[in-house]
Amino acid sequence: MLIFRNKIKHLELYLYKEKKNYADSFKNDIIIYFDENFSTSNKCLNFLKYIKNEKDIENWVDNLLSRFVMKFDGEFEQETDFIFDYLTNG
């Protein structure tokens, strides 16, 4: 199991990884949601305490990106609200 600091670092690296498709374009919205603050003091990152490994972190991001592609409606929703809802309701 990774320590919290390493989980944060992996999340950051994965979000900044080269974008290869349309879904990856929403990574910027996730980065902005975290205020580009990938430190242990950022309370928005506390969800990582419940994630076990790097693959689970990547799955979390990929699932959120998939949800953006399938369900996000920019006319009626804010990106930050959409991410917050995913964090709180999965």
Protein backbone atom coordinates (compact mmCIF):
# COMPACT_ATOMS: atom_id res chain seq x y z
CA MET A 1 0.00 0.00 0.00
CA LEU A 2 1.28 3.45 -0.92
CA ILE A 3 1.75 6.20 1.60
CA PHE A 4 -0.47 9.26 1.19
CA ARG A 5 2.27 11.49 -0.23
CA ASN A 6 3.08 8.91 -2.92
CA LYS A 7 -0.58 8.56 -3.84
CA ILE A 8 -0.79 12.31 -4.36
CA LYS A 9 2.35 12.29 -6.49
CA HIS A 10 1.02 9.47 -8.66
CA LEU A 11 -2.30 11.27 -9.13
CA GLU A 12 -0.47 14.42 -10.14
CA LEU A 13 1.77 12.59 -12.62
CA TYR A 14 -1.19 10.76 -14.12
CA LEU A 15 -3.17 13.96 -14.56
CA TYR A 16 -0.24 15.71 -16.24
CA LYS A 17 0.50 12.72 -18.46
CA GLU A 18 0.33 13.40 -22.19
CA LYS A 19 -3.21 13.71 -23.43
CA LYS A 20 -4.09 11.17 -26.12
CA ASN A 21 -7.84 11.44 -26.56
CA TYR A 22 -10.91 13.59 -26.00
CA ALA A 23 -11.51 12.26 -22.48
CA ASP A 24 -7.99 13.27 -21.45
CA SER A 25 -8.86 16.88 -22.21
CA PHE A 26 -10.94 16.90 -19.01
CA LYS A 27 -7.80 16.24 -16.94
CA ASN A 28 -7.23 19.99 -16.91
CA ASP A 29 -10.57 20.47 -15.17
CA ILE A 30 -9.54 17.99 -12.48
CA ILE A 31 -6.21 19.76 -12.02
CA ILE A 32 -8.03 23.06 -11.63
CA TYR A 33 -10.46 21.50 -9.16
CA PHE A 34 -7.47 20.65 -6.95
CA ASP A 35 -6.20 24.25 -7.41
CA GLU A 36 -3.04 22.78 -8.92
CA ASN A 37 -2.13 22.06 -5.28
CA PHE A 38 -0.87 18.51 -5.02
CA SER A 39 0.31 18.63 -1.43
CA THR A 40 -0.72 16.73 1.66
CA SER A 41 -2.32 19.92 3.02
CA ASN A 42 -4.96 19.98 0.26
CA LYS A 43 -8.09 18.54 1.93
CA CYS A 44 -9.66 17.80 -1.47
CA LEU A 45 -7.13 15.00 -1.86
CA ASN A 46 -8.21 13.16 1.28
CA PHE A 47 -10.19 10.70 -0.84
CA LEU A 48 -6.81 9.18 -1.76
CA LYS A 49 -6.50 7.84 1.78
CA TYR A 50 -9.10 5.23 0.83
CA ILE A 51 -7.41 4.20 -2.41
CA LYS A 52 -4.91 1.36 -2.13
CA ASN A 53 -2.57 1.47 -5.10
CA GLU A 54 -1.51 3.25 -8.30
CA LYS A 55 -3.88 1.25 -10.51
CA ASP A 56 -6.83 2.26 -8.33
CA ILE A 57 -5.81 5.91 -8.66
CA GLU A 58 -5.67 5.58 -12.44
CA ASN A 59 -9.05 3.82 -12.43
CA TRP A 60 -10.52 6.63 -10.34
CA VAL A 61 -9.31 9.23 -12.86
CA ASP A 62 -10.39 7.14 -15.86
CA ASN A 63 -13.86 6.60 -14.38
CA LEU A 64 -14.26 10.31 -13.76
CA LEU A 65 -13.09 11.09 -17.30
CA SER A 66 -15.55 8.56 -18.67
CA ARG A 67 -18.33 10.16 -16.68
CA PHE A 68 -17.35 13.56 -18.11
CA VAL A 69 -17.66 12.21 -21.65
CA MET A 70 -20.94 10.41 -21.04
CA LYS A 71 -22.84 12.70 -18.66
CA PHE A 72 -21.35 16.19 -18.37
CA ASP A 73 -23.57 18.94 -19.76
CA GLY A 74 -21.68 22.22 -19.84
CA GLU A 75 -24.87 24.21 -20.35
CA PHE A 76 -26.31 23.17 -17.01
CA GLU A 77 -23.32 22.15 -14.87
CA GLN A 78 -20.02 23.51 -13.68
CA GLU A 79 -16.97 21.27 -13.98
CA THR A 80 -16.12 21.77 -10.30
CA ASP A 81 -19.63 20.74 -9.20
CA PHE A 82 -19.44 17.69 -11.44
CA ILE A 83 -16.13 16.61 -9.88
CA PHE A 84 -17.35 17.34 -6.36
CA ASP A 85 -20.40 15.17 -6.96
CA TYR A 86 -18.19 12.33 -8.16
CA LEU A 87 -15.99 12.65 -5.08
CA THR A 88 -18.91 12.61 -2.68
CA ASN A 89 -21.28 10.21 -4.42
CA GLY A 90 -18.94 8.09 -6.56
